[in-house]
Amino acid sequence: PRMEMKVMTEIKACFLFAVRYRLAMNDSKFMVKTQINPFWGEEEEKG
């Protein structure tokens, strides 16, 4: 059971980290786009 608990804790930690990372990335991207240049995404698509 000891090993199982360790694995579960690691999986939980990784999951929480991934969720937080994704939220942070979404927030920063949104803020950068709206604050610096609202048409940045469209220009990026054109290349």
N, C-alpha and C. Protein backbone atom coordinates (compact mmCIF):
# COMPACT_ATOMS: atom_id res chain seq x y z
N PRO A 1 0.82 -1.21 0.00
CA PRO A 1 0.00 0.00 0.00
C PRO A 1 0.85 1.26 0.00
N ARG A 2 2.05 1.15 0.56
CA ARG A 2 2.93 2.32 0.65
C ARG A 2 3.29 2.82 -0.76
N MET A 3 3.66 1.90 -1.63
CA MET A 3 4.04 2.28 -2.99
C MET A 3 2.82 2.88 -3.71
N GLU A 4 1.67 2.27 -3.52
CA GLU A 4 0.46 2.79 -4.18
C GLU A 4 0.19 4.23 -3.78
N MET A 5 0.30 4.50 -2.49
CA MET A 5 0.06 5.86 -2.01
C MET A 5 1.04 6.84 -2.64
N LYS A 6 2.29 6.43 -2.76
CA LYS A 6 3.30 7.31 -3.34
C LYS A 6 2.94 7.62 -4.79
N VAL A 7 2.57 6.58 -5.54
CA VAL A 7 2.21 6.78 -6.95
C VAL A 7 1.01 7.71 -7.06
N MET A 8 0.00 7.46 -6.23
CA MET A 8 -1.20 8.30 -6.28
C MET A 8 -0.87 9.76 -5.98
N THR A 9 0.00 9.97 -5.00
CA THR A 9 0.38 11.33 -4.64
C THR A 9 1.10 12.00 -5.80
N GLU A 10 1.97 11.25 -6.46
CA GLU A 10 2.71 11.83 -7.59
C GLU A 10 1.77 12.17 -8.73
N ILE A 11 0.83 11.26 -9.01
CA ILE A 11 -0.13 11.51 -10.10
C ILE A 11 -0.96 12.75 -9.78
N LYS A 12 -1.41 12.85 -8.52
CA LYS A 12 -2.20 14.02 -8.11
C LYS A 12 -1.39 15.29 -8.29
N ALA A 13 -0.13 15.26 -7.86
CA ALA A 13 0.72 16.45 -7.95
C ALA A 13 0.91 16.84 -9.41
N CYS A 14 1.18 15.86 -10.26
CA CYS A 14 1.39 16.15 -11.68
C CYS A 14 0.12 16.73 -12.30
N PHE A 15 -1.02 16.16 -11.93
CA PHE A 15 -2.28 16.62 -12.48
C PHE A 15 -2.55 18.07 -12.08
N LEU A 16 -2.37 18.36 -10.78
CA LEU A 16 -2.60 19.72 -10.30
C LEU A 16 -1.64 20.69 -10.99
N PHE A 17 -0.39 20.27 -11.15
CA PHE A 17 0.60 21.13 -11.79
C PHE A 17 0.19 21.41 -13.23
N ALA A 18 -0.25 20.38 -13.94
CA ALA A 18 -0.64 20.55 -15.34
C ALA A 18 -1.83 21.50 -15.45
N VAL A 19 -2.80 21.33 -14.55
CA VAL A 19 -3.98 22.20 -14.59
C VAL A 19 -3.58 23.65 -14.33
N ARG A 20 -2.77 23.85 -13.29
CA ARG A 20 -2.33 25.21 -12.97
C ARG A 20 -1.53 25.80 -14.13
N TYR A 21 -0.65 24.98 -14.72
CA TYR A 21 0.18 25.46 -15.83
C TYR A 21 -0.69 25.89 -17.00
N ARG A 22 -1.69 25.07 -17.32
CA ARG A 22 -2.57 25.39 -18.45
C ARG A 22 -3.33 26.69 -18.19
N LEU A 23 -3.86 26.81 -16.98
CA LEU A 23 -4.60 28.03 -16.64
C LEU A 23 -3.69 29.24 -16.74
N ALA A 24 -2.47 29.11 -16.24
CA ALA A 24 -1.53 30.24 -16.28
C ALA A 24 -1.21 30.59 -17.72
N MET A 25 -0.98 29.58 -18.56
CA MET A 25 -0.66 29.84 -19.97
C MET A 25 -1.83 30.55 -20.65
N ASN A 26 -3.04 30.06 -20.43
CA ASN A 26 -4.22 30.68 -21.05
C ASN A 26 -4.34 32.13 -20.60
N ASP A 27 -4.17 32.38 -19.31
CA ASP A 27 -4.31 33.74 -18.79
C ASP A 27 -3.25 34.66 -19.40
N SER A 28 -1.99 34.22 -19.42
CA SER A 28 -0.92 35.08 -19.92
C SER A 28 -1.10 35.34 -21.41
N LYS A 29 -1.49 34.31 -22.17
CA LYS A 29 -1.69 34.50 -23.61
C LYS A 29 -2.81 35.51 -23.84
N PHE A 30 -3.90 35.35 -23.12
CA PHE A 30 -5.05 36.24 -23.29
C PHE A 30 -4.66 37.67 -22.93
N MET A 31 -3.96 37.83 -21.83
CA MET A 31 -3.56 39.17 -21.39
C MET A 31 -2.61 39.80 -22.40
N VAL A 32 -1.64 39.04 -22.87
CA VAL A 32 -0.68 39.57 -23.83
C VAL A 32 -1.40 40.00 -25.10
N LYS A 33 -2.30 39.16 -25.58
CA LYS A 33 -3.01 39.47 -26.82
C LYS A 33 -3.84 40.75 -26.67
N THR A 34 -4.59 40.86 -25.59
CA THR A 34 -5.50 41.99 -25.44
C THR A 34 -4.75 43.27 -25.12
N GLN A 35 -3.66 43.17 -24.37
CA GLN A 35 -2.95 44.38 -23.94
C GLN A 35 -2.03 44.91 -25.03
N ILE A 36 -1.30 44.02 -25.70
CA ILE A 36 -0.29 44.48 -26.66
C ILE A 36 -0.90 44.68 -28.04
N ASN A 37 -1.54 43.64 -28.57
CA ASN A 37 -2.06 43.73 -29.93
C ASN A 37 -3.24 42.77 -30.10
N PRO A 38 -4.45 43.30 -30.24
CA PRO A 38 -5.63 42.44 -30.36
C PRO A 38 -5.63 41.60 -31.62
N PHE A 39 -4.91 42.02 -32.66
CA PHE A 39 -4.92 41.28 -33.93
C PHE A 39 -3.71 40.36 -34.06
N TRP A 40 -3.01 40.13 -32.95
CA TRP A 40 -1.79 39.33 -32.97
C TRP A 40 -2.08 37.92 -33.48
N GLY A 41 -3.20 37.32 -33.04
CA GLY A 41 -3.54 35.96 -33.45
C GLY A 41 -3.76 35.87 -34.95
N GLU A 42 -4.44 36.86 -35.54
CA GLU A 42 -4.73 36.81 -36.97
C GLU A 42 -3.44 36.92 -37.77
N GLU A 43 -2.54 37.81 -37.34
CA GLU A 43 -1.27 37.96 -38.06
C GLU A 43 -0.45 36.67 -37.96
N GLU A 44 -0.53 36.01 -36.80
CA GLU A 44 0.23 34.80 -36.59
C GLU A 44 -0.24 33.72 -37.57
N GLU A 45 -1.55 33.64 -37.80
CA GLU A 45 -2.09 32.62 -38.69
C GLU A 45 -1.60 32.84 -40.12
N LYS A 46 -1.51 34.08 -40.55
CA LYS A 46 -1.05 34.36 -41.91
C LYS A 46 0.41 33.98 -42.09
N GLY A 47 1.19 34.10 -41.01
CA GLY A 47 2.60 33.78 -41.13
C GLY A 47 3.36 35.04 -41.31
